[in-house]
């Protein structure tokens, strides 16, 4: 009787423990800012990409940053360039969307056309600027992409095009349907977003069965939440909070912090003023104080060792007296250097952003600039960051982080600097020509043209104020097997997370 009672109790205990163990395969991730959208064609924006890219939404190809294997298959099994320069992609069979519908070539063409549709303001088109790309369905498992001019890295470009089912509305959607290993099950604005695993996913079964995303602006709060067990991963914390070697990791960051200058408005349309803006900022003073040790001072909008990074371009020297002299010269020639400039930044964009922007404002004011500092939440910031810019904006200095972990400047240059670029502040025929030729070139010629473009933008135009190639810090619970990489800036694939 005693043995039977103990056995029954053991079975009851096992039954009661089982749900607890199952719950342990969920993770909580605390991010620095809330997602205002979960639209797949906006997944290259970090606060969206970290939630849905590779989790809900997949692409034809993906760049393996973690393993260093280069461009890898995802929804495309293989691809090959055709004699006419176009690219043919062979798609995986047996793939389903989370709504149960089958994935095929029509979905690929539809997804690309939808993302490029001018009636929807996706981020995707900015990576395809200066070229015309068309998708053609060959059969259910085959799709061709043609580009004019021919694009030698088109398969890499397509690693940024998320696939949605044919018939998805040509407007931003709230509940994304994808082919990835997870589906959206809850979105409570201001509180949390929940993803749960799919039983019918085409690929390997991930260890994580459920992910809950929380949002806290303060990096110290995010770090504390992992320490106390309220969260498992904080992808971005400050260096000051990274005090525990067992849980805290630094990693090479592909984010570049820069300030876009609007060349279309006085006084920023004067080269002397742009040079003075650059000379007024003491970049070195921030390293090891408000930005981590190991942070590199930037001379281009993409980090080394990206193709075409130019080692001969030097960081502008901190020279407040020289900046004052340039402003005096410009003022003597009638340039309205006293015009109010608005320094714009995105709330909680990166650790210590408030202190950094206040310091930059002070440094600019000390040499004679009239600068007002304003912070915006992400949705309002985007209206100032991307075209069409507000017509009543006045001269603005727009601070942003740009992520390029793809190894080629094509993912930065057109939309940042071409006359028609969606986030460009300049219009220069030589820049347009250099970008066009570099995008179509291959090998050493491609690297040479990109390098020339970098030097011209930096040395001849003082196109913007380049600040830092960042170093990132993350805190990861000891129960979780995960180490951040350069890719963690823009996506956090749950399938890469395990449990110890």
Protein backbone atom coordinates (compact mmCIF):
# COMPACT_ATOMS: atom_id res chain seq x y z
CA UNK A 1 0.00 0.00 0.00
CA UNK A 2 2.80 2.39 0.94
CA UNK A 3 4.67 1.55 -2.29
CA UNK A 4 1.51 2.14 -4.38
CA UNK A 5 0.90 5.45 -2.61
CA UNK A 6 4.48 6.58 -3.24
CA UNK A 7 4.25 5.51 -6.88
CA UNK A 8 0.98 7.38 -7.35
CA UNK A 9 2.48 10.44 -5.68
CA UNK A 10 5.50 10.22 -7.94
CA UNK A 11 3.30 10.09 -11.00
CA UNK A 12 1.33 13.09 -9.76
CA UNK A 13 4.57 14.95 -9.07
CA UNK A 14 5.87 14.16 -12.56
CA UNK A 15 2.62 15.36 -14.07
CA UNK A 16 2.80 18.61 -12.12
CA UNK A 17 6.42 19.22 -13.08
CA UNK A 18 5.97 18.52 -16.79
CA UNK A 19 4.23 21.83 -17.64
CA UNK A 20 6.93 23.75 -15.74
CA UNK A 21 9.66 22.07 -17.74
CA UNK A 22 7.79 22.80 -20.95
CA UNK A 23 7.56 26.48 -19.99
CA UNK A 24 11.36 26.54 -19.61
CA UNK A 25 11.70 26.27 -23.39
CA UNK A 26 10.30 29.77 -23.71
CA UNK A 27 12.47 32.89 -23.63
CA UNK A 28 11.87 36.52 -22.76
CA UNK A 29 13.77 39.13 -24.74
CA UNK A 30 13.86 42.75 -23.61
CA UNK A 31 14.45 45.30 -26.39
CA UNK A 32 15.33 48.97 -26.20
CA UNK A 33 12.31 50.27 -28.11
CA UNK A 34 8.84 49.03 -28.94
CA UNK A 35 7.91 47.91 -32.43
CA UNK A 36 5.43 50.30 -34.00
CA UNK A 37 4.94 47.89 -36.92
CA UNK A 38 5.35 44.21 -37.67
CA UNK A 39 5.31 44.69 -41.43
CA UNK A 40 7.62 42.19 -43.22
CA UNK A 41 8.85 44.69 -45.83
CA UNK A 42 10.08 46.88 -42.95
CA UNK A 43 12.07 44.07 -41.34
CA UNK A 44 15.41 45.72 -42.14
CA UNK A 45 14.59 48.25 -39.42
CA UNK A 46 16.19 46.86 -36.27
CA UNK A 47 13.28 47.20 -33.86
CA UNK A 48 11.14 45.16 -36.29
CA UNK A 49 13.81 42.84 -37.65
CA UNK A 50 14.87 41.56 -34.24
CA UNK A 51 11.34 40.25 -33.80
CA UNK A 52 10.22 38.93 -37.18
CA UNK A 53 13.23 38.50 -39.52
CA UNK A 54 14.11 34.82 -39.70
CA UNK A 55 11.43 34.06 -37.12
CA UNK A 56 8.12 34.85 -38.83
CA UNK A 57 9.38 36.11 -42.19
CA UNK A 58 12.01 34.43 -44.35
CA UNK A 59 13.98 35.41 -47.44
CA UNK A 60 15.27 33.50 -50.46
CA UNK A 61 18.88 33.76 -49.29
CA UNK A 62 20.64 34.76 -46.09
CA UNK A 63 24.15 35.84 -45.18
CA UNK A 64 25.70 33.60 -42.54
CA UNK A 65 27.33 36.07 -40.16
CA UNK A 66 27.53 33.67 -37.21
CA UNK A 67 29.30 30.82 -39.01
CA UNK A 68 31.13 32.84 -41.67
CA UNK A 69 29.88 30.57 -44.47
CA UNK A 70 28.83 33.42 -46.74
CA UNK A 71 25.55 33.50 -48.64
CA UNK A 72 23.36 30.52 -47.79
CA UNK A 73 20.05 29.06 -49.07
CA UNK A 74 16.84 29.76 -47.17
CA UNK A 75 13.64 29.59 -49.23
CA UNK A 76 15.72 29.17 -52.38
CA UNK A 77 17.58 25.88 -52.63
CA UNK A 78 19.96 27.16 -55.30
CA UNK A 79 20.55 29.96 -57.80
CA UNK A 80 22.62 30.52 -60.92
CA UNK A 81 23.35 33.43 -63.23
CA UNK A 82 22.02 33.03 -66.76
CA UNK A 83 23.87 34.01 -69.99
CA UNK A 84 21.88 37.27 -70.20
CA UNK A 85 22.98 38.28 -66.69
CA UNK A 86 19.68 37.42 -64.99
CA UNK A 87 19.51 35.09 -61.99
CA UNK A 88 17.42 31.91 -61.76
CA UNK A 89 16.31 30.71 -58.31
CA UNK A 90 15.09 27.18 -57.58
CA UNK A 91 12.74 27.17 -54.59
CA UNK A 92 12.22 24.67 -51.80
CA UNK A 93 9.32 22.27 -52.06
CA UNK A 94 6.87 21.50 -49.29
CA UNK A 95 7.04 24.92 -47.62
CA UNK A 96 3.87 26.36 -46.09
CA UNK A 97 2.94 29.75 -44.73
CA UNK A 98 1.67 30.01 -41.17
CA UNK A 99 -1.91 30.36 -42.54
CA UNK A 100 -1.58 26.89 -44.11
CA UNK A 101 -1.20 28.04 -47.73
CA UNK A 102 1.56 26.63 -49.95
CA UNK A 103 4.65 28.66 -50.84
CA UNK A 104 5.63 28.91 -54.52
CA UNK A 105 7.18 31.21 -57.13
CA UNK A 106 4.06 33.37 -57.42
CA UNK A 107 4.51 34.37 -53.77
CA UNK A 108 8.11 35.40 -54.47
CA UNK A 109 7.18 37.61 -57.41
CA UNK A 110 4.23 39.07 -55.53
CA UNK A 111 6.38 39.81 -52.45
CA UNK A 112 9.01 41.60 -54.50
CA UNK A 113 6.46 43.60 -56.50
CA UNK A 114 4.55 44.50 -53.33
CA UNK A 115 7.69 45.70 -51.55
CA UNK A 116 8.61 47.87 -54.55
CA UNK A 117 5.09 49.25 -55.00
CA UNK A 118 5.11 53.05 -54.63
CA UNK A 119 1.76 53.01 -52.83
CA UNK A 120 3.39 51.35 -49.81
CA UNK A 121 6.41 52.92 -48.12
CA UNK A 122 8.60 49.85 -47.56
CA UNK A 123 12.28 49.99 -46.68
CA UNK A 124 13.11 47.36 -49.32
CA UNK A 125 13.31 49.68 -52.38
CA UNK A 126 16.13 51.71 -50.87
CA UNK A 127 18.49 48.75 -51.38
CA UNK A 128 17.56 48.50 -55.07
CA UNK A 129 18.04 52.16 -55.96
CA UNK A 130 19.65 53.03 -59.27
CA UNK A 131 18.55 49.79 -60.90
CA UNK A 132 15.43 48.26 -62.39
CA UNK A 133 14.72 44.73 -61.15
CA UNK A 134 11.92 42.49 -62.41
CA UNK A 135 10.76 39.08 -61.22
CA UNK A 136 9.32 36.47 -63.59
CA UNK A 137 7.66 33.19 -62.65
CA UNK A 138 9.04 30.28 -64.68
CA UNK A 139 7.08 27.56 -62.87
CA UNK A 140 5.90 26.87 -59.32
CA UNK A 141 9.43 26.21 -58.07
CA UNK A 142 11.43 28.55 -60.31
CA UNK A 143 11.66 32.33 -60.52
CA UNK A 144 13.96 34.58 -62.55
CA UNK A 145 15.22 38.02 -61.50
CA UNK A 146 16.55 40.43 -64.12
CA UNK A 147 18.32 43.70 -63.31
CA UNK A 148 19.27 46.70 -65.43
CA UNK A 149 22.14 47.35 -65.07
CA UNK A 150 23.14 43.75 -64.40
CA UNK A 151 23.76 43.20 -60.69
CA UNK A 152 26.54 40.73 -59.84
CA UNK A 153 25.42 40.52 -56.20
CA UNK A 154 21.67 40.25 -56.79
CA UNK A 155 21.38 37.01 -54.72
CA UNK A 156 22.85 38.93 -51.77
CA UNK A 157 20.42 41.82 -52.31
CA UNK A 158 17.53 39.37 -52.18
CA UNK A 159 18.55 38.38 -48.64
CA UNK A 160 16.63 41.52 -47.61
CA UNK A 161 13.35 40.74 -49.41
CA UNK A 162 10.89 39.06 -47.04
CA UNK A 163 8.31 36.69 -48.56
CA UNK A 164 4.57 37.04 -47.89
CA UNK A 165 1.65 35.11 -49.40
CA UNK A 166 0.28 36.22 -52.76
CA UNK A 167 -2.75 38.39 -52.12
CA UNK A 168 -1.41 40.11 -49.02
CA UNK A 169 -2.87 43.65 -48.99
CA UNK A 170 -0.76 46.40 -50.57
CA UNK A 171 -0.72 48.25 -47.27
CA UNK A 172 1.04 47.76 -43.97
CA UNK A 173 -0.26 44.69 -42.17
CA UNK A 174 -0.54 44.14 -38.42
CA UNK A 175 -0.50 40.34 -38.33
CA UNK A 176 2.34 39.06 -40.53
CA UNK A 177 2.00 35.68 -42.26
CA UNK A 178 5.31 34.03 -43.07
CA UNK A 179 7.11 30.77 -43.77
CA UNK A 180 9.34 31.00 -40.70
CA UNK A 181 9.45 28.68 -37.67
CA UNK A 182 7.23 30.97 -35.55
CA UNK A 183 3.89 32.72 -35.76
CA UNK A 184 2.55 35.79 -34.00
CA UNK A 185 0.08 34.85 -31.24
CA UNK A 186 -0.14 38.06 -29.20
CA UNK A 187 0.60 41.76 -29.60
CA UNK A 188 -0.38 43.98 -26.69
CA UNK A 189 0.86 47.48 -27.58
CA UNK A 190 2.95 49.00 -24.84
CA UNK A 191 3.38 45.66 -23.11
CA UNK A 192 4.54 42.64 -25.08
CA UNK A 193 4.68 40.66 -28.31
CA UNK A 194 4.54 36.86 -28.26
CA UNK A 195 5.68 34.38 -30.92
CA UNK A 196 5.07 30.63 -30.71
CA UNK A 197 6.60 27.79 -32.69
CA UNK A 198 4.85 26.25 -35.68
CA UNK A 199 4.35 22.51 -35.82
CA UNK A 200 4.35 22.54 -39.66
CA UNK A 201 7.59 24.44 -40.24
CA UNK A 202 9.60 23.10 -43.19
CA UNK A 203 13.00 23.29 -41.44
CA UNK A 204 14.61 21.96 -38.29
CA UNK A 205 12.63 22.20 -35.06
CA UNK A 206 14.08 25.00 -32.89
CA UNK A 207 14.75 24.59 -29.17
CA UNK A 208 12.78 27.72 -28.28
CA UNK A 209 9.03 27.06 -28.33
CA UNK A 210 7.85 30.52 -27.32
CA UNK A 211 9.35 34.01 -27.26
CA UNK A 212 7.98 37.00 -25.37
CA UNK A 213 9.33 40.43 -26.30
CA UNK A 214 9.32 43.18 -23.69
CA UNK A 215 10.38 46.80 -24.13
CA UNK A 216 12.36 49.04 -21.77
CA UNK A 217 14.15 52.24 -22.82
CA UNK A 218 16.68 52.28 -19.97
CA UNK A 219 19.69 49.97 -20.60
CA UNK A 220 20.28 49.56 -16.85
CA UNK A 221 16.71 48.30 -16.46
CA UNK A 222 17.20 45.84 -19.32
CA UNK A 223 20.38 44.51 -17.75
CA UNK A 224 18.71 44.18 -14.35
CA UNK A 225 15.77 42.25 -15.83
CA UNK A 226 18.11 39.52 -17.07
CA UNK A 227 19.99 39.49 -13.77
CA UNK A 228 16.78 38.98 -11.79
CA UNK A 229 15.32 36.42 -14.20
CA UNK A 230 12.58 38.68 -15.58
CA UNK A 231 14.15 38.29 -19.03
CA UNK A 232 16.62 35.93 -20.70
CA UNK A 233 18.29 38.17 -23.28
CA UNK A 234 18.91 41.92 -23.47
CA UNK A 235 20.54 42.38 -26.91
CA UNK A 236 21.62 45.93 -26.07
CA UNK A 237 22.94 47.14 -22.73
CA UNK A 238 25.50 49.81 -21.91
CA UNK A 239 29.15 49.12 -21.24
CA UNK A 240 28.70 50.44 -17.69
CA UNK A 241 26.19 47.67 -16.96
CA UNK A 242 28.30 44.92 -18.56
CA UNK A 243 29.92 43.84 -15.30
CA UNK A 244 29.33 40.07 -15.18
CA UNK A 245 31.66 37.95 -17.36
CA UNK A 246 29.29 34.99 -17.02
CA UNK A 247 26.37 36.78 -18.68
CA UNK A 248 27.69 39.85 -20.50
CA UNK A 249 29.18 39.82 -24.00
CA UNK A 250 30.72 42.44 -26.23
CA UNK A 251 30.56 41.95 -29.97
CA UNK A 252 31.65 43.62 -33.18
CA UNK A 253 28.82 45.88 -34.24
CA UNK A 254 27.96 46.72 -37.86
CA UNK A 255 26.09 49.85 -36.78
CA UNK A 256 27.51 53.23 -37.75
CA UNK A 257 26.33 56.34 -35.91
CA UNK A 258 26.29 59.40 -38.14
CA UNK A 259 24.54 62.75 -38.54
CA UNK A 260 22.95 63.39 -41.93
CA UNK A 261 23.38 66.91 -43.24
CA UNK A 262 20.73 68.51 -45.47
CA UNK A 263 22.70 70.13 -48.30
CA UNK A 264 19.59 71.69 -49.80
CA UNK A 265 19.23 74.38 -47.11
CA UNK A 266 21.32 77.28 -45.89
CA UNK A 267 23.63 77.42 -44.10
CA UNK A 268 24.39 73.69 -44.51
CA UNK A 269 24.59 74.08 -48.30
CA UNK A 270 27.94 75.85 -47.77
CA UNK A 271 30.97 73.53 -47.71
CA UNK A 272 32.71 75.65 -45.07
CA UNK A 273 29.76 75.22 -42.72
CA UNK A 274 29.74 71.44 -43.20
CA UNK A 275 33.47 71.29 -42.52
CA UNK A 276 33.02 73.45 -39.42
CA UNK A 277 30.32 71.08 -38.13
CA UNK A 278 32.77 68.20 -38.45
CA UNK A 279 35.68 70.07 -36.87
CA UNK A 280 33.58 71.16 -33.87
CA UNK A 281 32.99 67.62 -32.54
CA UNK A 282 35.57 65.96 -30.29
CA UNK A 283 34.92 62.37 -31.28
CA UNK A 284 37.80 60.92 -29.24
CA UNK A 285 36.34 62.32 -26.02
CA UNK A 286 33.33 59.99 -26.30
CA UNK A 287 35.32 56.74 -26.61
CA UNK A 288 35.62 54.94 -23.29
CA UNK A 289 33.19 57.34 -21.65
CA UNK A 290 29.80 57.53 -23.37
CA UNK A 291 30.61 54.94 -26.05
CA UNK A 292 32.54 51.74 -25.24
CA UNK A 293 36.27 51.22 -25.50
CA UNK A 294 37.01 49.58 -28.83
CA UNK A 295 34.56 51.82 -30.68
CA UNK A 296 36.08 52.94 -33.99
CA UNK A 297 35.82 56.49 -35.27
CA UNK A 298 33.98 56.40 -38.58
CA UNK A 299 35.12 57.67 -41.97
CA UNK A 300 32.34 56.00 -43.94
CA UNK A 301 28.76 54.98 -43.29
CA UNK A 302 29.74 51.29 -43.38
CA UNK A 303 32.35 49.61 -41.15
CA UNK A 304 35.61 47.87 -42.01
CA UNK A 305 36.20 45.31 -43.44
CA UNK A 306 33.38 46.08 -45.92
CA UNK A 307 34.48 46.04 -49.56
CA UNK A 308 35.80 49.46 -50.59
CA UNK A 309 36.47 50.74 -47.08
CA UNK A 310 39.16 53.39 -47.59
CA UNK A 311 42.01 53.31 -45.05
CA UNK A 312 43.47 56.54 -46.45
CA UNK A 313 40.47 58.64 -45.43
CA UNK A 314 41.16 60.26 -42.08
CA UNK A 315 38.84 61.32 -39.26
CA UNK A 316 38.41 65.13 -39.16
CA UNK A 317 40.64 66.67 -36.50
CA UNK A 318 38.94 68.28 -33.54
CA UNK A 319 39.66 71.96 -34.20
CA UNK A 320 37.17 74.38 -32.59
CA UNK A 321 39.29 77.41 -33.49
CA UNK A 322 39.41 76.29 -37.10
CA UNK A 323 35.64 75.74 -37.07
CA UNK A 324 35.09 79.29 -35.76
CA UNK A 325 37.33 80.68 -38.50
CA UNK A 326 35.39 78.86 -41.23
CA UNK A 327 32.11 80.18 -39.83
CA UNK A 328 33.49 83.73 -39.80
CA UNK A 329 34.57 83.40 -43.44
CA UNK A 330 31.19 82.04 -44.46
CA UNK A 331 29.37 84.81 -42.56
CA UNK A 332 31.49 87.47 -44.26
CA UNK A 333 30.30 86.08 -47.61
CA UNK A 334 26.66 86.38 -46.59
CA UNK A 335 26.01 82.81 -45.46
CA UNK A 336 23.36 82.88 -42.67
CA UNK A 337 25.45 80.92 -40.17
CA UNK A 338 23.27 82.11 -37.26
CA UNK A 339 20.24 80.19 -38.58
CA UNK A 340 18.80 77.77 -36.04
CA UNK A 341 19.78 74.16 -36.78
CA UNK A 342 17.68 71.34 -35.35
CA UNK A 343 19.69 68.37 -34.12
CA UNK A 344 17.34 65.39 -34.32
CA UNK A 345 17.71 61.99 -32.65
CA UNK A 346 15.62 58.86 -32.03
CA UNK A 347 14.65 58.15 -28.44
CA UNK A 348 16.53 55.15 -26.94
CA UNK A 349 18.21 54.41 -30.28
CA UNK A 350 21.40 53.27 -28.52
CA UNK A 351 22.85 53.42 -24.97
CA UNK A 352 23.71 56.92 -23.71
CA UNK A 353 22.19 58.61 -26.75
CA UNK A 354 20.74 61.44 -24.64
CA UNK A 355 24.08 62.29 -23.05
CA UNK A 356 25.92 61.98 -26.38
CA UNK A 357 23.53 64.26 -28.22
CA UNK A 358 23.58 66.85 -25.43
CA UNK A 359 27.38 66.86 -25.54
CA UNK A 360 27.42 67.27 -29.33
CA UNK A 361 24.89 70.09 -29.08
CA UNK A 362 27.16 71.86 -26.58
CA UNK A 363 30.26 71.38 -28.74
CA UNK A 364 28.48 72.85 -31.76
CA UNK A 365 27.20 75.78 -29.74
CA UNK A 366 30.69 76.49 -28.40
CA UNK A 367 32.00 77.27 -31.89
CA UNK A 368 29.05 79.49 -32.73
CA UNK A 369 26.28 77.31 -34.12
CA UNK A 370 22.68 77.94 -33.05
CA UNK A 371 21.48 74.40 -32.29
CA UNK A 372 18.22 73.07 -30.89
CA UNK A 373 18.06 69.39 -29.81
CA UNK A 374 14.90 67.32 -30.27
CA UNK A 375 14.17 63.63 -29.64
CA UNK A 376 11.41 61.69 -31.41
CA UNK A 377 9.87 58.26 -31.00
CA UNK A 378 10.54 55.92 -33.92
CA UNK A 379 7.34 56.55 -35.93
CA UNK A 380 7.77 60.34 -35.85
CA UNK A 381 11.51 60.07 -36.42
CA UNK A 382 10.95 58.11 -39.64
CA UNK A 383 9.01 61.06 -41.09
CA UNK A 384 12.15 63.18 -40.78
CA UNK A 385 14.62 60.44 -41.72
CA UNK A 386 13.12 59.23 -45.01
CA UNK A 387 11.73 61.02 -48.06
CA UNK A 388 9.53 62.83 -48.68
CA UNK A 389 11.01 65.13 -46.06
CA UNK A 390 8.64 67.67 -44.46
CA UNK A 391 8.58 70.89 -46.49
CA UNK A 392 8.55 73.03 -43.34
CA UNK A 393 11.41 71.24 -41.60
CA UNK A 394 14.11 73.93 -41.68
CA UNK A 395 17.82 72.95 -41.68
CA UNK A 396 18.20 69.69 -39.78
CA UNK A 397 21.03 67.50 -38.52
CA UNK A 398 19.50 64.02 -38.32
CA UNK A 399 21.31 61.53 -36.08
CA UNK A 400 20.88 57.86 -36.94
CA UNK A 401 22.39 54.42 -36.76
CA UNK A 402 22.93 52.59 -40.05
CA UNK A 403 23.46 48.83 -40.11
CA UNK A 404 25.44 47.21 -42.91
CA UNK A 405 26.64 43.72 -42.06
CA UNK A 406 26.44 42.46 -45.65
CA UNK A 407 30.02 43.21 -46.68
CA UNK A 408 29.23 45.47 -49.65
CA UNK A 409 28.49 49.24 -49.80
CA UNK A 410 25.59 48.67 -52.19
CA UNK A 411 23.46 48.19 -49.06
CA UNK A 412 24.28 51.74 -47.99
CA UNK A 413 25.36 54.03 -50.77
CA UNK A 414 22.38 54.65 -53.05
CA UNK A 415 19.74 55.38 -50.46
CA UNK A 416 22.16 57.34 -48.26
CA UNK A 417 23.88 59.47 -50.92
CA UNK A 418 22.35 59.30 -54.40
CA UNK A 419 20.24 62.24 -55.51
CA UNK A 420 17.17 59.98 -55.53
CA UNK A 421 18.18 58.10 -52.38
CA UNK A 422 15.38 57.80 -49.85
CA UNK A 423 17.54 58.99 -46.94
CA UNK A 424 19.99 61.17 -48.84
CA UNK A 425 20.80 64.73 -47.88
CA UNK A 426 22.82 65.51 -51.01
CA UNK A 427 22.44 65.78 -54.78
CA UNK A 428 25.73 65.50 -56.63
CA UNK A 429 26.15 64.21 -60.22
CA UNK A 430 29.60 62.76 -59.54
CA UNK A 431 28.30 60.77 -56.58
CA UNK A 432 25.40 59.47 -58.68
CA UNK A 433 27.81 58.35 -61.41
CA UNK A 434 30.22 56.67 -58.98
CA UNK A 435 27.41 54.76 -57.26
CA UNK A 436 25.96 53.61 -60.59
CA UNK A 437 29.31 52.35 -61.88
CA UNK A 438 30.37 50.73 -58.61
CA UNK A 439 27.04 48.89 -58.21
CA UNK A 440 27.46 47.22 -61.61
CA UNK A 441 31.20 46.49 -61.33
CA UNK A 442 32.89 43.33 -60.07
CA UNK A 443 36.14 42.37 -58.40
CA UNK A 444 38.91 44.92 -57.94
CA UNK A 445 37.12 47.53 -60.06
CA UNK A 446 34.12 47.39 -57.73
CA UNK A 447 36.31 47.86 -54.63
CA UNK A 448 38.23 50.69 -56.30
CA UNK A 449 35.07 52.61 -57.25
CA UNK A 450 33.53 52.23 -53.81
CA UNK A 451 36.77 53.41 -52.23
CA UNK A 452 36.81 56.45 -54.53
CA UNK A 453 33.20 57.21 -53.60
CA UNK A 454 34.03 57.12 -49.89
CA UNK A 455 36.93 59.55 -50.32
CA UNK A 456 34.92 61.98 -52.45
CA UNK A 457 31.98 62.03 -50.03
CA UNK A 458 34.20 62.52 -47.00
CA UNK A 459 37.05 64.74 -48.20
CA UNK A 460 35.53 66.77 -51.02
CA UNK A 461 31.90 67.14 -49.98
CA UNK A 462 31.96 66.73 -46.17
CA UNK A 463 28.66 65.02 -46.96
CA UNK A 464 27.71 64.30 -43.36
CA UNK A 465 29.12 63.98 -39.85
CA UNK A 466 30.41 60.44 -39.40
CA UNK A 467 30.84 59.50 -35.76
CA UNK A 468 31.28 55.89 -34.59
CA UNK A 469 31.44 52.27 -35.68
CA UNK A 470 29.88 50.85 -32.54
CA UNK A 471 30.72 48.01 -30.18
CA UNK A 472 27.66 46.28 -28.78
CA UNK A 473 27.08 44.77 -25.34
CA UNK A 474 24.46 42.15 -24.50
CA UNK A 475 23.38 40.32 -21.36
CA UNK A 476 22.34 36.67 -21.70
CA UNK A 477 20.92 34.49 -18.95
CA UNK A 478 23.14 31.62 -17.88
CA UNK A 479 20.32 29.17 -18.62
CA UNK A 480 20.40 30.19 -22.30
CA UNK A 481 22.97 29.11 -24.88
CA UNK A 482 23.38 32.15 -27.14
CA UNK A 483 26.17 34.54 -28.07
CA UNK A 484 25.47 37.77 -29.97
CA UNK A 485 27.15 38.53 -33.29
CA UNK A 486 27.25 41.41 -35.75
CA UNK A 487 23.88 40.16 -37.04
CA UNK A 488 22.28 40.78 -33.63
CA UNK A 489 22.05 44.45 -34.58
CA UNK A 490 19.27 43.80 -37.05
CA UNK A 491 17.89 40.35 -36.29
CA UNK A 492 17.77 37.80 -33.51
CA UNK A 493 16.87 34.40 -34.86
CA UNK A 494 15.24 32.32 -32.17
CA UNK A 495 16.43 29.14 -33.91
CA UNK A 496 20.00 30.12 -32.90
CA UNK A 497 19.10 30.01 -29.21
CA UNK A 498 19.53 26.85 -27.13
CA UNK A 499 19.30 25.91 -23.47
CA UNK A 500 22.07 24.72 -21.17
